[in-house]
């Protein structure tokens, strides 16, 4: 996608528990992406406004961009989010509608297309193994995270898993989104 559009920047935040790439797609207008670090610094400064005057804070808020983060498919068997991510990215990258241009000009969108790539692969492999049999569509007889099983969301407080640490760093250190959804 990044080689085809100047509206997206792809970053590998690291490897998942089982070695898969853990990706971040930053989507915004080309002008915003060209000045991304300045907007990130504004976002950080507004998040901790100690020492800012009210006027400085208002100017930063006026000049800055809304930061929205959406991760997809925290649980490996919740496949809809990860399957929707390419379509959402395509819509934001290919449309020249007034609405999309307005969104891209005003928002820095941090998309994590798959919060649990290992689980997604396990679920997909299981499905493909039984495709065309009477067991097609059956649940996996195992949990879809090597260490946390279904409770990978509960690791948000302990940060034992690399996936949780990547998200915590993104949400609480590198950026402070005004909105987050998984």
C-alpha atoms as a PDB file:
ATOM      1  CA  UNK A   1       0.000   0.000   0.000  1.00  0.00           C
ATOM      2  CA  UNK A   2       2.748   2.437   0.927  1.00  0.00           C
ATOM      3  CA  UNK A   3       4.375   2.054  -2.490  1.00  0.00           C
ATOM      4  CA  UNK A   4       1.058   2.950  -4.158  1.00  0.00           C
ATOM      5  CA  UNK A   5      -0.128   5.857  -2.003  1.00  0.00           C
ATOM      6  CA  UNK A   6       1.315   8.924  -0.328  1.00  0.00           C
ATOM      7  CA  UNK A   7      -1.486   8.752   2.270  1.00  0.00           C
ATOM      8  CA  UNK A   8      -0.053   5.835   4.251  1.00  0.00           C
ATOM      9  CA  UNK A   9       3.085   4.945   6.151  1.00  0.00           C
ATOM     10  CA  UNK A  10       3.652   1.330   7.243  1.00  0.00           C
ATOM     11  CA  UNK A  11       5.785   0.593  10.299  1.00  0.00           C
ATOM     12  CA  UNK A  12       6.659  -2.779  11.794  1.00  0.00           C
ATOM     13  CA  UNK A  13       6.495  -2.235  15.546  1.00  0.00           C
ATOM     14  CA  UNK A  14       8.206  -5.574  16.169  1.00  0.00           C
ATOM     15  CA  UNK A  15       7.464  -9.276  16.064  1.00  0.00           C
ATOM     16  CA  UNK A  16       4.508 -11.045  17.630  1.00  0.00           C
ATOM     17  CA  UNK A  17       4.937 -13.771  20.231  1.00  0.00           C
ATOM     18  CA  UNK A  18       5.446 -16.326  17.458  1.00  0.00           C
ATOM     19  CA  UNK A  19       7.498 -14.095  15.153  1.00  0.00           C
ATOM     20  CA  UNK A  20       4.877 -12.541  12.867  1.00  0.00           C
ATOM     21  CA  UNK A  21       5.184  -8.854  11.908  1.00  0.00           C
ATOM     22  CA  UNK A  22       3.159  -6.545  14.179  1.00  0.00           C
ATOM     23  CA  UNK A  23       2.202  -3.674  11.895  1.00  0.00           C
ATOM     24  CA  UNK A  24       1.061  -0.089  12.226  1.00  0.00           C
ATOM     25  CA  UNK A  25      -0.464   1.733   9.272  1.00  0.00           C
ATOM     26  CA  UNK A  26      -0.496   5.497   9.745  1.00  0.00           C
ATOM     27  CA  UNK A  27      -3.033   7.038   7.386  1.00  0.00           C
ATOM     28  CA  UNK A  28      -3.564  10.749   6.818  1.00  0.00           C
ATOM     29  CA  UNK A  29      -3.142  13.405   4.155  1.00  0.00           C
ATOM     30  CA  UNK A  30       0.244  13.567   2.427  1.00  0.00           C
ATOM     31  CA  UNK A  31       0.863  16.969   4.062  1.00  0.00           C
ATOM     32  CA  UNK A  32       0.140  15.577   7.531  1.00  0.00           C
ATOM     33  CA  UNK A  33       2.361  12.525   6.966  1.00  0.00           C
ATOM     34  CA  UNK A  34       5.184  14.789   5.765  1.00  0.00           C
ATOM     35  CA  UNK A  35       4.942  16.681   9.072  1.00  0.00           C
ATOM     36  CA  UNK A  36       4.037  13.691  11.257  1.00  0.00           C
ATOM     37  CA  UNK A  37       6.688  14.206  13.925  1.00  0.00           C
ATOM     38  CA  UNK A  38       5.579  17.815  14.507  1.00  0.00           C
ATOM     39  CA  UNK A  39       1.980  16.660  14.949  1.00  0.00           C
ATOM     40  CA  UNK A  40       3.115  13.891  17.290  1.00  0.00           C
ATOM     41  CA  UNK A  41       4.996  16.407  19.414  1.00  0.00           C
ATOM     42  CA  UNK A  42       1.904  18.647  19.538  1.00  0.00           C
ATOM     43  CA  UNK A  43      -0.180  15.654  20.592  1.00  0.00           C
ATOM     44  CA  UNK A  44       2.281  14.809  23.366  1.00  0.00           C
ATOM     45  CA  UNK A  45       2.454  18.412  24.537  1.00  0.00           C
ATOM     46  CA  UNK A  46      -1.326  18.713  24.756  1.00  0.00           C
ATOM     47  CA  UNK A  47      -1.530  15.424  26.605  1.00  0.00           C
ATOM     48  CA  UNK A  48       0.665  16.863  29.363  1.00  0.00           C
ATOM     49  CA  UNK A  49      -0.085  20.592  29.287  1.00  0.00           C
ATOM     50  CA  UNK A  50       1.861  21.492  32.424  1.00  0.00           C
ATOM     51  CA  UNK A  51       3.644  24.749  31.765  1.00  0.00           C
ATOM     52  CA  UNK A  52       1.466  25.694  28.798  1.00  0.00           C
ATOM     53  CA  UNK A  53      -0.517  28.872  28.913  1.00  0.00           C
ATOM     54  CA  UNK A  54      -4.161  28.663  27.941  1.00  0.00           C
ATOM     55  CA  UNK A  55      -3.343  30.514  24.725  1.00  0.00           C
ATOM     56  CA  UNK A  56      -0.536  28.101  23.839  1.00  0.00           C
ATOM     57  CA  UNK A  57      -2.806  25.127  24.498  1.00  0.00           C
ATOM     58  CA  UNK A  58      -5.564  26.607  22.339  1.00  0.00           C
ATOM     59  CA  UNK A  59      -3.095  27.259  19.506  1.00  0.00           C
ATOM     60  CA  UNK A  60      -1.760  23.694  19.687  1.00  0.00           C
ATOM     61  CA  UNK A  61      -5.300  22.298  19.689  1.00  0.00           C
ATOM     62  CA  UNK A  62      -6.239  24.471  16.705  1.00  0.00           C
ATOM     63  CA  UNK A  63      -3.112  23.603  14.731  1.00  0.00           C
ATOM     64  CA  UNK A  64      -2.942  19.914  15.699  1.00  0.00           C
ATOM     65  CA  UNK A  65      -4.862  16.967  14.329  1.00  0.00           C
ATOM     66  CA  UNK A  66      -7.229  14.507  15.947  1.00  0.00           C
ATOM     67  CA  UNK A  67      -5.421  11.244  16.600  1.00  0.00           C
ATOM     68  CA  UNK A  68      -7.542   8.111  16.275  1.00  0.00           C
ATOM     69  CA  UNK A  69      -6.232   4.595  16.838  1.00  0.00           C
ATOM     70  CA  UNK A  70      -8.068   1.445  15.856  1.00  0.00           C
ATOM     71  CA  UNK A  71      -6.692  -2.028  16.333  1.00  0.00           C
ATOM     72  CA  UNK A  72      -8.359  -5.015  14.777  1.00  0.00           C
ATOM     73  CA  UNK A  73      -9.010  -8.504  16.071  1.00  0.00           C
ATOM     74  CA  UNK A  74      -7.521  -8.666  19.546  1.00  0.00           C
ATOM     75  CA  UNK A  75      -8.960 -12.180  19.761  1.00  0.00           C
ATOM     76  CA  UNK A  76      -7.811 -14.517  17.008  1.00  0.00           C
ATOM     77  CA  UNK A  77     -11.300 -15.853  16.311  1.00  0.00           C
ATOM     78  CA  UNK A  78     -12.726 -12.358  15.842  1.00  0.00           C
ATOM     79  CA  UNK A  79     -11.725 -12.228  12.214  1.00  0.00           C
ATOM     80  CA  UNK A  80     -14.007  -9.454  10.954  1.00  0.00           C
ATOM     81  CA  UNK A  81     -11.777  -6.572  12.008  1.00  0.00           C
ATOM     82  CA  UNK A  82      -8.668  -7.854  10.310  1.00  0.00           C
ATOM     83  CA  UNK A  83     -10.661  -8.755   7.201  1.00  0.00           C
ATOM     84  CA  UNK A  84     -12.178  -5.258   7.153  1.00  0.00           C
ATOM     85  CA  UNK A  85      -8.853  -3.427   7.584  1.00  0.00           C
ATOM     86  CA  UNK A  86      -7.712  -3.643   3.926  1.00  0.00           C
ATOM     87  CA  UNK A  87     -11.077  -2.353   2.723  1.00  0.00           C
ATOM     88  CA  UNK A  88     -11.014   0.570   5.166  1.00  0.00           C
ATOM     89  CA  UNK A  89      -7.450   1.398   4.120  1.00  0.00           C
ATOM     90  CA  UNK A  90      -8.423   1.144   0.442  1.00  0.00           C
ATOM     91  CA  UNK A  91     -11.347   3.527   0.929  1.00  0.00           C
ATOM     92  CA  UNK A  92      -9.154   6.077   2.720  1.00  0.00           C
ATOM     93  CA  UNK A  93      -6.328   5.777   0.198  1.00  0.00           C
ATOM     94  CA  UNK A  94      -8.264   5.716  -3.048  1.00  0.00           C
ATOM     95  CA  UNK A  95     -11.220   8.049  -2.583  1.00  0.00           C
ATOM     96  CA  UNK A  96     -11.056  11.713  -3.496  1.00  0.00           C
ATOM     97  CA  UNK A  97     -14.471  12.507  -2.089  1.00  0.00           C
ATOM     98  CA  UNK A  98     -14.832  15.704  -0.096  1.00  0.00           C
ATOM     99  CA  UNK A  99     -15.614  13.660   3.042  1.00  0.00           C
ATOM    100  CA  UNK A 100     -12.479  11.506   2.776  1.00  0.00           C
ATOM    101  CA  UNK A 101     -10.275  14.528   2.028  1.00  0.00           C
ATOM    102  CA  UNK A 102     -11.729  16.297   5.091  1.00  0.00           C
ATOM    103  CA  UNK A 103     -11.039  13.241   7.281  1.00  0.00           C
ATOM    104  CA  UNK A 104      -7.477  12.855   6.009  1.00  0.00           C
ATOM    105  CA  UNK A 105      -6.761  16.580   6.453  1.00  0.00           C
ATOM    106  CA  UNK A 106      -8.009  16.592  10.058  1.00  0.00           C
ATOM    107  CA  UNK A 107      -7.162  13.133  11.416  1.00  0.00           C
ATOM    108  CA  UNK A 108      -4.048  11.067  11.921  1.00  0.00           C
ATOM    109  CA  UNK A 109      -5.370   7.505  11.845  1.00  0.00           C
ATOM    110  CA  UNK A 110      -3.235   4.852  13.535  1.00  0.00           C
ATOM    111  CA  UNK A 111      -4.431   1.460  12.287  1.00  0.00           C
ATOM    112  CA  UNK A 112      -3.162  -1.799  13.742  1.00  0.00           C
ATOM    113  CA  UNK A 113      -4.587  -4.203  11.150  1.00  0.00           C
ATOM    114  CA  UNK A 114      -4.217  -7.225  13.414  1.00  0.00           C
ATOM    115  CA  UNK A 115      -3.613  -7.123  17.169  1.00  0.00           C
ATOM    116  CA  UNK A 116      -3.173 -10.919  17.298  1.00  0.00           C
ATOM    117  CA  UNK A 117      -1.523 -12.116  14.074  1.00  0.00           C
ATOM    118  CA  UNK A 118      -0.574 -15.464  15.633  1.00  0.00           C
ATOM    119  CA  UNK A 119      -4.199 -16.178  16.575  1.00  0.00           C
ATOM    120  CA  UNK A 120      -5.458 -15.140  13.160  1.00  0.00           C
ATOM    121  CA  UNK A 121      -3.037 -17.574  11.520  1.00  0.00           C
ATOM    122  CA  UNK A 122      -4.089 -20.382  13.899  1.00  0.00           C
ATOM    123  CA  UNK A 123      -7.777 -19.814  13.151  1.00  0.00           C
ATOM    124  CA  UNK A 124      -7.196 -19.557   9.389  1.00  0.00           C
ATOM    125  CA  UNK A 125      -5.008 -22.681   9.335  1.00  0.00           C
ATOM    126  CA  UNK A 126      -7.626 -24.613  11.320  1.00  0.00           C
ATOM    127  CA  UNK A 127     -10.395 -23.512   8.971  1.00  0.00           C
ATOM    128  CA  UNK A 128      -8.397 -24.436   5.869  1.00  0.00           C
ATOM    129  CA  UNK A 129      -7.498 -27.831   7.351  1.00  0.00           C
ATOM    130  CA  UNK A 130     -11.171 -28.789   7.697  1.00  0.00           C
ATOM    131  CA  UNK A 131     -12.566 -26.919   4.657  1.00  0.00           C
ATOM    132  CA  UNK A 132     -14.960 -29.109   2.709  1.00  0.00           C
ATOM    133  CA  UNK A 133     -15.469 -31.590   5.548  1.00  0.00           C
ATOM    134  CA  UNK A 134     -18.253 -32.005   8.082  1.00  0.00           C
ATOM    135  CA  UNK A 135     -16.048 -30.087  10.562  1.00  0.00           C
ATOM    136  CA  UNK A 136     -15.740 -26.969   8.407  1.00  0.00           C
ATOM    137  CA  UNK A 137     -16.448 -23.868  10.497  1.00  0.00           C
ATOM    138  CA  UNK A 138     -15.910 -25.655  13.810  1.00  0.00           C
ATOM    139  CA  UNK A 139     -14.096 -23.950  16.634  1.00  0.00           C
ATOM    140  CA  UNK A 140     -10.430 -24.593  17.198  1.00  0.00           C
ATOM    141  CA  UNK A 141      -9.828 -27.101  20.017  1.00  0.00           C
ATOM    142  CA  UNK A 142      -7.092 -24.821  21.354  1.00  0.00           C
ATOM    143  CA  UNK A 143      -6.814 -21.192  22.407  1.00  0.00           C
ATOM    144  CA  UNK A 144      -5.355 -18.745  19.953  1.00  0.00           C
ATOM    145  CA  UNK A 145      -2.495 -17.208  21.859  1.00  0.00           C
ATOM    146  CA  UNK A 146       0.512 -19.263  22.902  1.00  0.00           C
ATOM    147  CA  UNK A 147       0.676 -17.839  26.425  1.00  0.00           C
ATOM    148  CA  UNK A 148      -2.539 -15.908  27.086  1.00  0.00           C
ATOM    149  CA  UNK A 149      -5.124 -18.005  25.278  1.00  0.00           C
ATOM    150  CA  UNK A 150      -8.333 -15.973  25.081  1.00  0.00           C
ATOM    151  CA  UNK A 151      -7.198 -13.583  27.825  1.00  0.00           C
ATOM    152  CA  UNK A 152      -4.737 -11.577  25.764  1.00  0.00           C
ATOM    153  CA  UNK A 153      -6.931  -8.516  26.397  1.00  0.00           C
ATOM    154  CA  UNK A 154      -6.369  -8.902  30.148  1.00  0.00           C
ATOM    155  CA  UNK A 155      -2.633  -8.554  29.562  1.00  0.00           C
ATOM    156  CA  UNK A 156      -3.158  -4.813  29.056  1.00  0.00           C
ATOM    157  CA  UNK A 157      -2.338  -4.205  32.731  1.00  0.00           C
ATOM    158  CA  UNK A 158       0.593  -6.611  33.045  1.00  0.00           C
ATOM    159  CA  UNK A 159       2.226  -6.145  29.625  1.00  0.00           C
ATOM    160  CA  UNK A 160       3.692  -9.647  29.537  1.00  0.00           C
ATOM    161  CA  UNK A 161       3.070 -10.131  25.810  1.00  0.00           C
ATOM    162  CA  UNK A 162       5.001  -8.270  23.108  1.00  0.00           C
ATOM    163  CA  UNK A 163       1.710  -7.389  21.388  1.00  0.00           C
ATOM    164  CA  UNK A 164       0.481  -5.666  24.560  1.00  0.00           C
ATOM    165  CA  UNK A 165       3.756  -3.803  24.968  1.00  0.00           C
ATOM    166  CA  UNK A 166       3.637  -2.531  21.369  1.00  0.00           C
ATOM    167  CA  UNK A 167       0.115  -1.222  21.894  1.00  0.00           C
ATOM    168  CA  UNK A 168       0.935   0.356  25.270  1.00  0.00           C
ATOM    169  CA  UNK A 169       3.927   2.150  23.777  1.00  0.00           C
ATOM    170  CA  UNK A 170       1.842   3.350  20.823  1.00  0.00           C
ATOM    171  CA  UNK A 171      -1.108   4.518  22.953  1.00  0.00           C
ATOM    172  CA  UNK A 172       0.605   5.848  26.073  1.00  0.00           C
ATOM    173  CA  UNK A 173       4.142   6.865  25.079  1.00  0.00           C
ATOM    174  CA  UNK A 174       4.451   7.614  21.368  1.00  0.00           C
ATOM    175  CA  UNK A 175       0.935   9.003  20.871  1.00  0.00           C
ATOM    176  CA  UNK A 176      -2.047   9.795  23.063  1.00  0.00           C
ATOM    177  CA  UNK A 177      -5.049   9.242  20.777  1.00  0.00           C
ATOM    178  CA  UNK A 178      -8.244  11.094  21.463  1.00  0.00           C
ATOM    179  CA  UNK A 179     -10.076   7.909  20.462  1.00  0.00           C
ATOM    180  CA  UNK A 180      -9.153   4.235  20.564  1.00  0.00           C
ATOM    181  CA  UNK A 181     -11.191   1.230  19.517  1.00  0.00           C
ATOM    182  CA  UNK A 182     -10.494  -2.463  18.981  1.00  0.00           C
END
